[in-house]
Protein backbone atom coordinates (compact mmCIF):
# COMPACT_ATOMS: atom_id res chain seq x y z
CA MET A 1 -3.34 16.26 -11.90
CA THR A 2 -3.91 12.89 -13.67
CA LYS A 3 -5.78 9.96 -11.88
CA GLU A 4 -2.54 8.01 -11.62
CA SER A 5 -0.80 10.64 -9.81
CA LYS A 6 -3.62 11.34 -7.40
CA VAL A 7 -3.82 7.58 -6.24
CA ILE A 8 0.28 7.88 -6.61
CA ALA A 9 -0.12 10.42 -3.73
CA ALA A 10 -2.52 9.43 -1.84
CA ASN A 11 0.13 6.03 -1.79
CA ALA A 12 2.24 8.33 -0.18
CA ALA A 13 -0.25 9.68 2.27
CA PHE A 14 -0.59 6.10 3.60
CA TYR A 15 3.53 5.32 3.97
CA ALA A 16 4.09 9.29 5.85
CA ALA A 17 1.39 8.00 8.12
CA PHE A 18 3.32 4.88 8.42
CA ALA A 19 6.67 6.20 8.61
CA ALA A 20 5.56 8.82 11.09
CA GLY A 21 3.53 6.75 13.31
CA ASP A 22 0.53 9.24 12.77
CA PHE A 23 -2.56 6.84 13.51
CA ALA A 24 -4.83 9.26 13.03
CA ALA A 25 -3.81 10.49 9.31
CA MET A 26 -3.83 6.39 8.61
CA GLU A 27 -7.57 6.16 9.87
CA ARG A 28 -8.15 8.95 8.05
CA LEU A 29 -6.96 7.46 4.32
CA TRP A 30 -8.99 3.80 4.44
CA ALA A 31 -12.63 4.22 3.60
CA ASP A 32 -15.34 4.44 6.05
CA ASP A 33 -16.99 0.85 4.98
CA ASP A 34 -17.08 -2.93 6.26
CA GLY A 35 -15.90 -3.81 3.11
CA ILE A 36 -11.87 -2.65 3.54
CA SER A 37 -9.35 -5.69 3.98
CA CYS A 38 -5.75 -5.86 5.01
CA ILE A 39 -2.95 -8.59 4.76
CA HIS A 40 0.40 -7.81 6.80
CA PRO A 41 3.30 -9.72 6.27
CA GLY A 42 2.42 -13.27 7.72
CA TRP A 43 -0.76 -12.35 9.20
CA PRO A 44 -3.79 -13.91 7.82
CA ALA A 45 -6.76 -11.90 6.15
CA ILE A 46 -8.16 -9.07 8.21
CA ILE A 47 -11.64 -8.06 6.98
CA GLY A 48 -13.94 -4.96 8.22
CA ARG A 49 -13.24 -1.72 9.25
CA ALA A 50 -12.92 -2.04 12.99
CA THR A 51 -10.46 -4.90 12.38
CA VAL A 52 -8.14 -2.99 9.91
CA ILE A 53 -7.87 -0.24 11.74
CA GLY A 54 -7.16 -1.84 14.62
CA SER A 55 -4.30 -3.99 13.54
CA TRP A 56 -2.98 -0.22 12.03
CA ARG A 57 -3.72 1.40 15.88
CA ASP A 58 -1.61 -1.52 17.78
CA ILE A 59 1.48 -1.37 15.04
CA LEU A 60 1.85 2.34 14.53
CA LEU A 61 1.41 2.56 18.47
CA ASN A 62 3.92 0.12 18.87
CA PRO A 63 7.18 1.84 20.19
CA GLU A 64 9.57 -0.93 18.18
CA ARG A 65 7.43 -0.51 14.72
CA PRO A 66 9.87 -1.29 11.89
CA GLN A 67 11.01 1.33 9.76
CA ILE A 68 9.52 1.75 6.22
CA ALA A 69 9.73 3.34 2.89
CA CYS A 70 7.98 2.85 -0.27
CA ALA A 71 10.27 2.76 -3.46
CA GLU A 72 8.92 1.99 -7.71
CA PRO A 73 5.29 2.89 -7.02
CA GLN A 74 3.34 1.99 -10.23
CA ALA A 75 -0.12 3.19 -10.44
CA ILE A 76 -3.36 1.50 -12.18
CA VAL A 77 -6.05 3.32 -12.55
CA ASP A 78 -9.49 2.15 -14.17
CA GLY A 79 -12.78 4.36 -13.29
CA ASP A 80 -13.43 4.90 -10.14
CA SER A 81 -10.65 2.24 -8.29
CA GLY A 82 -7.09 2.20 -8.51
CA ARG A 83 -3.63 0.47 -7.17
CA VAL A 84 -0.13 1.34 -6.58
CA LEU A 85 1.96 -1.84 -6.79
CA CYS A 86 5.20 -0.81 -5.50
CA ILE A 87 8.25 -2.06 -3.33
CA GLU A 88 8.00 -1.64 0.09
CA ILE A 89 11.69 -1.11 2.26
CA VAL A 90 10.72 -2.43 5.51
CA ASP A 91 13.96 -2.27 8.22
CA GLY A 92 15.76 -3.33 5.25
CA THR A 93 14.26 -6.14 3.71
CA ALA A 94 11.77 -5.72 0.40
CA LEU A 95 8.64 -6.45 0.20
CA ALA A 96 6.70 -6.70 -2.46
CA ALA A 97 3.32 -4.44 -1.80
CA ALA A 98 -0.28 -3.93 -3.76
CA ASN A 99 -2.21 -0.71 -2.28
CA HIS A 100 -5.94 -0.51 -3.73
CA PHE A 101 -7.88 2.61 -3.20
CA ARG A 102 -11.23 3.38 -4.35
CA ARG A 103 -12.42 6.88 -5.18
CA VAL A 104 -14.98 8.85 -2.71
CA GLY A 105 -15.72 12.01 -3.71
CA ASP A 106 -12.83 13.63 -4.50
CA THR A 107 -10.74 11.34 -2.94
CA TRP A 108 -8.95 8.21 -3.08
CA ARG A 109 -9.38 6.00 -0.10
CA LEU A 110 -7.72 2.75 0.69
CA VAL A 111 -9.79 -0.61 0.88
CA HIS A 112 -7.07 -2.84 0.90
CA HIS A 113 -3.43 -3.24 1.60
CA GLN A 114 -1.34 -6.45 1.03
CA SER A 115 2.54 -7.07 1.18
CA SER A 116 4.80 -9.60 1.66
CA PRO A 117 8.02 -10.42 1.30
CA ILE A 118 9.99 -10.93 -2.49
CA ALA A 119 11.52 -14.09 -2.93
CA GLN A 120 14.32 -13.11 -5.22
CA ILE A 121 14.64 -9.83 -7.96
CA VAL A 122 15.04 -10.96 -11.05
CA GLU A 123 16.31 -8.44 -14.82
CA GLN A 124 13.30 -8.51 -17.02
CA THR A 125 14.35 -8.80 -20.58
CA HIS A 126 13.32 -5.85 -23.03
CA ASP A 127 11.37 -8.03 -25.24
CA GLU A 128 7.72 -6.37 -24.31
CA PRO A 129 8.61 -2.25 -24.26
CA SER A 130 5.75 -1.52 -21.99
CA SER A 131 7.12 -3.69 -18.82
CA PRO A 132 8.36 -3.02 -16.21
CA SER A 133 12.99 -2.75 -15.89
CA ARG A 134 12.45 -5.78 -13.59
CA ARG A 135 10.65 -8.11 -12.57
CA ILE A 136 9.28 -9.97 -8.91
CA HIS A 137 9.07 -13.86 -8.68
């Protein structure tokens, strides 16, 4: 399994925990230190394990939490750091998301999550062969 596929798998576990409302799984996915951070859509930045994990507890334990799915995940890995850029579909609305991971032992742990609304999606020109098929503005 490549580093990229391991980071994609960790990212999938994050969205599975969110979709299932599984707070215990969500808590295990995050790095166990105060250097973690999160920016939920419309929220200010949250820094520190207690605050970040507390925000996820409040979201996941809310019976009216949004339904979420991850689409088009793309992993970028550099040594022990990785990030997944993707589209979140939250109750039918598309958000751009970035999930940053750090390798801790043999496990990829979340260190930052951020998502925000997408203003529009425009088709990418095929001038650059390595570019994705579409670009988000």
